[in-house]
């Protein structure tokens, strides 16, 4: 029974990462669209890139955590 619980926990973690990836995709799209239409200034682009970086770090850390659980 514990194995099913572990698998469910990992499945949930993967779903959270997928949600983060969906957010990352949306943020990249918004940033590119703003640049393409020239409707954002450099400050907005800078803030968006900083957010992209932070979200990418979060996703990387979550994937690392999942990997550690799988290797046990």
PDB file of N, CA and C in Angstrom:
ATOM      1  N   UNK A   1       0.818  -1.191   0.000  1.00  0.00           N
ATOM      2  CA  UNK A   1       0.000   0.000   0.000  1.00  0.00           C
ATOM      3  C   UNK A   1       0.864   1.259   0.000  1.00  0.00           C
ATOM      4  N   UNK A   2       2.003   1.188   0.672  1.00  0.00           N
ATOM      5  CA  UNK A   2       2.896   2.345   0.737  1.00  0.00           C
ATOM      6  C   UNK A   2       3.420   2.701  -0.650  1.00  0.00           C
ATOM      7  N   UNK A   3       3.641   1.688  -1.487  1.00  0.00           N
ATOM      8  CA  UNK A   3       4.135   1.923  -2.841  1.00  0.00           C
ATOM      9  C   UNK A   3       3.137   2.757  -3.639  1.00  0.00           C
ATOM     10  N   UNK A   4       1.834   2.456  -3.496  1.00  0.00           N
ATOM     11  CA  UNK A   4       0.807   3.241  -4.178  1.00  0.00           C
ATOM     12  C   UNK A   4       0.796   4.673  -3.675  1.00  0.00           C
ATOM     13  N   UNK A   5       0.988   4.849  -2.382  1.00  0.00           N
ATOM     14  CA  UNK A   5       1.035   6.182  -1.788  1.00  0.00           C
ATOM     15  C   UNK A   5       2.223   6.971  -2.327  1.00  0.00           C
ATOM     16  N   UNK A   6       3.367   6.306  -2.439  1.00  0.00           N
ATOM     17  CA  UNK A   6       4.560   6.961  -2.982  1.00  0.00           C
ATOM     18  C   UNK A   6       4.348   7.358  -4.438  1.00  0.00           C
ATOM     19  N   UNK A   7       3.737   6.458  -5.201  1.00  0.00           N
ATOM     20  CA  UNK A   7       3.485   6.744  -6.616  1.00  0.00           C
ATOM     21  C   UNK A   7       2.503   7.902  -6.766  1.00  0.00           C
ATOM     22  N   UNK A   8       1.493   7.955  -5.902  1.00  0.00           N
ATOM     23  CA  UNK A   8       0.531   9.049  -5.941  1.00  0.00           C
ATOM     24  C   UNK A   8       1.214  10.371  -5.604  1.00  0.00           C
ATOM     25  N   UNK A   9       2.104  10.346  -4.630  1.00  0.00           N
ATOM     26  CA  UNK A   9       2.843  11.553  -4.251  1.00  0.00           C
ATOM     27  C   UNK A   9       3.691  12.041  -5.423  1.00  0.00           C
ATOM     28  N   UNK A  10       4.383  11.129  -6.080  1.00  0.00           N
ATOM     29  CA  UNK A  10       5.219  11.505  -7.222  1.00  0.00           C
ATOM     30  C   UNK A  10       4.348  12.008  -8.369  1.00  0.00           C
ATOM     31  N   UNK A  11       3.213  11.353  -8.602  1.00  0.00           N
ATOM     32  CA  UNK A  11       2.289  11.796  -9.651  1.00  0.00           C
ATOM     33  C   UNK A  11       1.834  13.226  -9.374  1.00  0.00           C
ATOM     34  N   UNK A  12       1.488  13.515  -8.129  1.00  0.00           N
ATOM     35  CA  UNK A  12       1.063  14.867  -7.760  1.00  0.00           C
ATOM     36  C   UNK A  12       2.184  15.877  -7.977  1.00  0.00           C
ATOM     37  N   UNK A  13       3.404  15.502  -7.619  1.00  0.00           N
ATOM     38  CA  UNK A  13       4.535  16.403  -7.820  1.00  0.00           C
ATOM     39  C   UNK A  13       4.753  16.681  -9.302  1.00  0.00           C
ATOM     40  N   UNK A  14       4.614  15.664 -10.124  1.00  0.00           N
ATOM     41  CA  UNK A  14       4.768  15.852 -11.567  1.00  0.00           C
ATOM     42  C   UNK A  14       3.671  16.770 -12.100  1.00  0.00           C
ATOM     43  N   UNK A  15       2.452  16.626 -11.594  1.00  0.00           N
ATOM     44  CA  UNK A  15       1.361  17.513 -12.004  1.00  0.00           C
ATOM     45  C   UNK A  15       1.655  18.959 -11.605  1.00  0.00           C
ATOM     46  N   UNK A  16       2.255  19.166 -10.423  1.00  0.00           N
ATOM     47  CA  UNK A  16       2.628  20.524 -10.003  1.00  0.00           C
ATOM     48  C   UNK A  16       3.678  21.103 -10.944  1.00  0.00           C
ATOM     49  N   UNK A  17       4.642  20.282 -11.324  1.00  0.00           N
ATOM     50  CA  UNK A  17       5.673  20.747 -12.260  1.00  0.00           C
ATOM     51  C   UNK A  17       5.033  21.089 -13.601  1.00  0.00           C
ATOM     52  N   UNK A  18       4.091  20.269 -14.045  1.00  0.00           N
ATOM     53  CA  UNK A  18       3.404  20.562 -15.300  1.00  0.00           C
ATOM     54  C   UNK A  18       2.679  21.901 -15.210  1.00  0.00           C
ATOM     55  N   UNK A  19       2.038  22.161 -14.079  1.00  0.00           N
ATOM     56  CA  UNK A  19       1.381  23.453 -13.883  1.00  0.00           C
ATOM     57  C   UNK A  19       2.372  24.604 -13.957  1.00  0.00           C
ATOM     58  N   UNK A  20       3.544  24.413 -13.353  1.00  0.00           N
ATOM     59  CA  UNK A  20       4.592  25.433 -13.438  1.00  0.00           C
ATOM     60  C   UNK A  20       5.061  25.612 -14.877  1.00  0.00           C
ATOM     61  N   UNK A  21       5.179  24.514 -15.613  1.00  0.00           N
ATOM     62  CA  UNK A  21       5.598  24.592 -17.018  1.00  0.00           C
ATOM     63  C   UNK A  21       4.553  25.328 -17.850  1.00  0.00           C
ATOM     64  N   UNK A  22       3.276  25.091 -17.560  1.00  0.00           N
ATOM     65  CA  UNK A  22       2.212  25.818 -18.255  1.00  0.00           C
ATOM     66  C   UNK A  22       2.326  27.312 -17.972  1.00  0.00           C
ATOM     67  N   UNK A  23       2.614  27.658 -16.719  1.00  0.00           N
ATOM     68  CA  UNK A  23       2.811  29.064 -16.364  1.00  0.00           C
ATOM     69  C   UNK A  23       4.015  29.660 -17.061  1.00  0.00           C
ATOM     70  N   UNK A  24       5.092  28.897 -17.133  1.00  0.00           N
ATOM     71  CA  UNK A  24       6.297  29.349 -17.824  1.00  0.00           C
ATOM     72  C   UNK A  24       6.003  29.593 -19.297  1.00  0.00           C
ATOM     73  N   UNK A  25       5.282  28.670 -19.915  1.00  0.00           N
ATOM     74  CA  UNK A  25       4.921  28.817 -21.325  1.00  0.00           C
ATOM     75  C   UNK A  25       4.084  30.072 -21.544  1.00  0.00           C
ATOM     76  N   UNK A  26       3.114  30.309 -20.675  1.00  0.00           N
ATOM     77  CA  UNK A  26       2.266  31.496 -20.799  1.00  0.00           C
ATOM     78  C   UNK A  26       3.079  32.774 -20.624  1.00  0.00           C
ATOM     79  N   UNK A  27       3.993  32.777 -19.669  1.00  0.00           N
ATOM     80  CA  UNK A  27       4.815  33.958 -19.432  1.00  0.00           C
ATOM     81  C   UNK A  27       5.740  34.234 -20.610  1.00  0.00           C
ATOM     82  N   UNK A  28       6.321  33.187 -21.179  1.00  0.00           N
ATOM     83  CA  UNK A  28       7.171  33.363 -22.364  1.00  0.00           C
ATOM     84  C   UNK A  28       6.335  33.926 -23.509  1.00  0.00           C
ATOM     85  N   UNK A  29       5.152  33.374 -23.705  1.00  0.00           N
ATOM     86  CA  UNK A  29       4.280  33.846 -24.788  1.00  0.00           C
ATOM     87  C   UNK A  29       3.930  35.322 -24.607  1.00  0.00           C
ATOM     88  N   UNK A  30       3.523  35.696 -23.386  1.00  0.00           N
ATOM     89  CA  UNK A  30       3.174  37.098 -23.129  1.00  0.00           C
ATOM     90  C   UNK A  30       4.363  38.013 -23.366  1.00  0.00           C
ATOM     91  N   UNK A  31       5.537  37.595 -22.916  1.00  0.00           N
ATOM     92  CA  UNK A  31       6.737  38.412 -23.086  1.00  0.00           C
ATOM     93  C   UNK A  31       7.059  38.591 -24.560  1.00  0.00           C
ATOM     94  N   UNK A  32       7.056  37.490 -25.297  1.00  0.00           N
ATOM     95  CA  UNK A  32       7.357  37.578 -26.725  1.00  0.00           C
ATOM     96  C   UNK A  32       6.321  38.407 -27.470  1.00  0.00           C
ATOM     97  N   UNK A  33       5.059  38.246 -27.123  1.00  0.00           N
ATOM     98  CA  UNK A  33       4.003  39.018 -27.782  1.00  0.00           C
ATOM     99  C   UNK A  33       4.156  40.506 -27.477  1.00  0.00           C
ATOM    100  N   UNK A  34       4.497  40.836 -26.245  1.00  0.00           N
ATOM    101  CA  UNK A  34       4.717  42.236 -25.896  1.00  0.00           C
ATOM    102  C   UNK A  34       5.887  42.836 -26.648  1.00  0.00           C
ATOM    103  N   UNK A  35       6.964  42.068 -26.792  1.00  0.00           N
ATOM    104  CA  UNK A  35       8.131  42.548 -27.543  1.00  0.00           C
ATOM    105  C   UNK A  35       7.773  42.676 -29.019  1.00  0.00           C
ATOM    106  N   UNK A  36       7.100  41.654 -29.554  1.00  0.00           N
ATOM    107  CA  UNK A  36       6.753  41.642 -30.976  1.00  0.00           C
ATOM    108  C   UNK A  36       5.878  42.834 -31.352  1.00  0.00           C
ATOM    109  N   UNK A  37       4.931  43.170 -30.500  1.00  0.00           N
ATOM    110  CA  UNK A  37       4.014  44.271 -30.801  1.00  0.00           C
ATOM    111  C   UNK A  37       4.568  45.613 -30.334  1.00  0.00           C
ATOM    112  N   UNK A  38       5.746  45.576 -29.735  1.00  0.00           N
ATOM    113  CA  UNK A  38       6.394  46.796 -29.237  1.00  0.00           C
ATOM    114  C   UNK A  38       5.495  47.536 -28.244  1.00  0.00           C
ATOM    115  N   UNK A  39       4.754  46.765 -27.438  1.00  0.00           N
ATOM    116  CA  UNK A  39       3.828  47.382 -26.491  1.00  0.00           C
ATOM    117  C   UNK A  39       4.355  47.374 -25.057  1.00  0.00           C
ATOM    118  N   UNK A  40       5.597  46.942 -24.882  1.00  0.00           N
ATOM    119  CA  UNK A  40       6.193  46.951 -23.550  1.00  0.00           C
ATOM    120  C   UNK A  40       7.536  47.660 -23.604  1.00  0.00           C
ATOM    121  N   UNK A  41       7.889  48.227 -22.478  1.00  0.00           N
ATOM    122  CA  UNK A  41       9.179  48.887 -22.375  1.00  0.00           C
ATOM    123  C   UNK A  41      10.239  47.937 -21.848  1.00  0.00           C
ATOM    124  N   UNK A  42      11.452  48.422 -21.789  1.00  0.00           N
ATOM    125  CA  UNK A  42      12.576  47.597 -21.344  1.00  0.00           C
ATOM    126  C   UNK A  42      12.392  47.146 -19.898  1.00  0.00           C
ATOM    127  N   UNK A  43      11.774  47.978 -19.068  1.00  0.00           N
ATOM    128  CA  UNK A  43      11.550  47.599 -17.669  1.00  0.00           C
ATOM    129  C   UNK A  43      10.631  46.382 -17.565  1.00  0.00           C
ATOM    130  N   UNK A  44       9.567  46.378 -18.369  1.00  0.00           N
ATOM    131  CA  UNK A  44       8.653  45.238 -18.360  1.00  0.00           C
ATOM    132  C   UNK A  44       9.344  43.975 -18.859  1.00  0.00           C
ATOM    133  N   UNK A  45      10.162  44.117 -19.890  1.00  0.00           N
ATOM    134  CA  UNK A  45      10.900  42.966 -20.419  1.00  0.00           C
ATOM    135  C   UNK A  45      11.868  42.452 -19.357  1.00  0.00           C
ATOM    136  N   UNK A  46      12.551  43.358 -18.691  1.00  0.00           N
ATOM    137  CA  UNK A  46      13.493  42.984 -17.637  1.00  0.00           C
ATOM    138  C   UNK A  46      12.782  42.230 -16.510  1.00  0.00           C
ATOM    139  N   UNK A  47      11.635  42.735 -16.084  1.00  0.00           N
ATOM    140  CA  UNK A  47      10.861  42.073 -15.026  1.00  0.00           C
ATOM    141  C   UNK A  47      10.367  40.702 -15.476  1.00  0.00           C
ATOM    142  N   UNK A  48       9.926  40.609 -16.715  1.00  0.00           N
ATOM    143  CA  UNK A  48       9.441  39.330 -17.235  1.00  0.00           C
ATOM    144  C   UNK A  48      10.565  38.306 -17.289  1.00  0.00           C
ATOM    145  N   UNK A  49      11.738  38.725 -17.735  1.00  0.00           N
ATOM    146  CA  UNK A  49      12.879  37.805 -17.811  1.00  0.00           C
ATOM    147  C   UNK A  49      13.284  37.351 -16.408  1.00  0.00           C
ATOM    148  N   UNK A  50      13.253  38.252 -15.439  1.00  0.00           N
ATOM    149  CA  UNK A  50      13.567  37.874 -14.058  1.00  0.00           C
ATOM    150  C   UNK A  50      12.553  36.847 -13.546  1.00  0.00           C
ATOM    151  N   UNK A  51      11.289  37.041 -13.866  1.00  0.00           N
ATOM    152  CA  UNK A  51      10.256  36.078 -13.467  1.00  0.00           C
ATOM    153  C   UNK A  51      10.462  34.736 -14.157  1.00  0.00           C
ATOM    154  N   UNK A  52      10.823  34.770 -15.433  1.00  0.00           N
ATOM    155  CA  UNK A  52      11.106  33.533 -16.166  1.00  0.00           C
ATOM    156  C   UNK A  52      12.243  32.774 -15.502  1.00  0.00           C
ATOM    157  N   UNK A  53      13.278  33.491 -15.124  1.00  0.00           N
ATOM    158  CA  UNK A  53      14.437  32.871 -14.483  1.00  0.00           C
ATOM    159  C   UNK A  53      14.040  32.215 -13.161  1.00  0.00           C
ATOM    160  N   UNK A  54      13.272  32.937 -12.342  1.00  0.00           N
ATOM    161  CA  UNK A  54      12.848  32.396 -11.049  1.00  0.00           C
ATOM    162  C   UNK A  54      11.969  31.159 -11.224  1.00  0.00           C
ATOM    163  N   UNK A  55      11.052  31.212 -12.184  1.00  0.00           N
ATOM    164  CA  UNK A  55      10.179  30.069 -12.414  1.00  0.00           C
ATOM    165  C   UNK A  55      10.973  28.876 -12.934  1.00  0.00           C
ATOM    166  N   UNK A  56      11.936  29.125 -13.809  1.00  0.00           N
ATOM    167  CA  UNK A  56      12.785  28.036 -14.313  1.00  0.00           C
ATOM    168  C   UNK A  56      13.577  27.400 -13.169  1.00  0.00           C
ATOM    169  N   UNK A  57      14.085  28.210 -12.248  1.00  0.00           N
ATOM    170  CA  UNK A  57      14.799  27.681 -11.079  1.00  0.00           C
ATOM    171  C   UNK A  57      13.881  26.817 -10.216  1.00  0.00           C
ATOM    172  N   UNK A  58      12.664  27.287 -10.000  1.00  0.00           N
ATOM    173  CA  UNK A  58      11.691  26.538  -9.206  1.00  0.00           C
ATOM    174  C   UNK A  58      11.395  25.189  -9.843  1.00  0.00           C
ATOM    175  N   UNK A  59      11.181  25.193 -11.148  1.00  0.00           N
ATOM    176  CA  UNK A  59      10.894  23.947 -11.865  1.00  0.00           C
ATOM    177  C   UNK A  59      12.079  23.000 -11.774  1.00  0.00           C
ATOM    178  N   UNK A  60      13.280  23.522 -11.963  1.00  0.00           N
ATOM    179  CA  UNK A  60      14.487  22.697 -11.876  1.00  0.00           C
ATOM    180  C   UNK A  60      14.608  22.058 -10.499  1.00  0.00           C
ATOM    181  N   UNK A  61      14.364  22.838  -9.455  1.00  0.00           N
ATOM    182  CA  UNK A  61      14.438  22.306  -8.091  1.00  0.00           C
ATOM    183  C   UNK A  61      13.385  21.228  -7.846  1.00  0.00           C
ATOM    184  N   UNK A  62      12.167  21.459  -8.331  1.00  0.00           N
ATOM    185  CA  UNK A  62      11.107  20.465  -8.145  1.00  0.00           C
ATOM    186  C   UNK A  62      11.445  19.167  -8.871  1.00  0.00           C
ATOM    187  N   UNK A  63      11.970  19.275 -10.082  1.00  0.00           N
ATOM    188  CA  UNK A  63      12.357  18.079 -10.833  1.00  0.00           C
ATOM    189  C   UNK A  63      13.477  17.346 -10.096  1.00  0.00           C
ATOM    190  N   UNK A  64      14.418  18.086  -9.528  1.00  0.00           N
ATOM    191  CA  UNK A  64      15.487  17.468  -8.741  1.00  0.00           C
ATOM    192  C   UNK A  64      14.943  16.728  -7.538  1.00  0.00           C
ATOM    193  N   UNK A  65      13.951  17.319  -6.866  1.00  0.00           N
ATOM    194  CA  UNK A  65      13.330  16.662  -5.713  1.00  0.00           C
ATOM    195  C   UNK A  65      12.635  15.363  -6.127  1.00  0.00           C
ATOM    196  N   UNK A  66      11.914  15.416  -7.228  1.00  0.00           N
ATOM    197  CA  UNK A  66      11.236  14.212  -7.722  1.00  0.00           C
ATOM    198  C   UNK A  66      12.265  13.148  -8.068  1.00  0.00           C
ATOM    199  N   UNK A  67      13.335  13.553  -8.722  1.00  0.00           N
ATOM    200  CA  UNK A  67      14.384  12.607  -9.109  1.00  0.00           C
ATOM    201  C   UNK A  67      14.984  11.926  -7.881  1.00  0.00           C
ATOM    202  N   UNK A  68      15.234  12.691  -6.820  1.00  0.00           N
ATOM    203  CA  UNK A  68      15.792  12.114  -5.594  1.00  0.00           C
ATOM    204  C   UNK A  68      14.851  11.074  -4.999  1.00  0.00           C
ATOM    205  N   UNK A  69      13.554  11.346  -5.048  1.00  0.00           N
ATOM    206  CA  UNK A  69      12.587  10.391  -4.511  1.00  0.00           C
ATOM    207  C   UNK A  69      12.549   9.116  -5.345  1.00  0.00           C
ATOM    208  N   UNK A  70      12.734   9.246  -6.644  1.00  0.00           N
ATOM    209  CA  UNK A  70      12.696   8.076  -7.519  1.00  0.00           C
ATOM    210  C   UNK A  70      13.931   7.207  -7.358  1.00  0.00           C
ATOM    211  N   UNK A  71      15.056   7.817  -6.998  1.00  0.00           N
ATOM    212  CA  UNK A  71      16.320   7.093  -6.907  1.00  0.00           C
ATOM    213  C   UNK A  71      16.436   6.315  -5.600  1.00  0.00           C
ATOM    214  N   UNK A  72      15.641   6.656  -4.610  1.00  0.00           N
ATOM    215  CA  UNK A  72      15.716   6.006  -3.296  1.00  0.00           C
ATOM    216  C   UNK A  72      15.537   4.570  -3.392  1.00  0.00           C
TER     217      UNK A  72
END
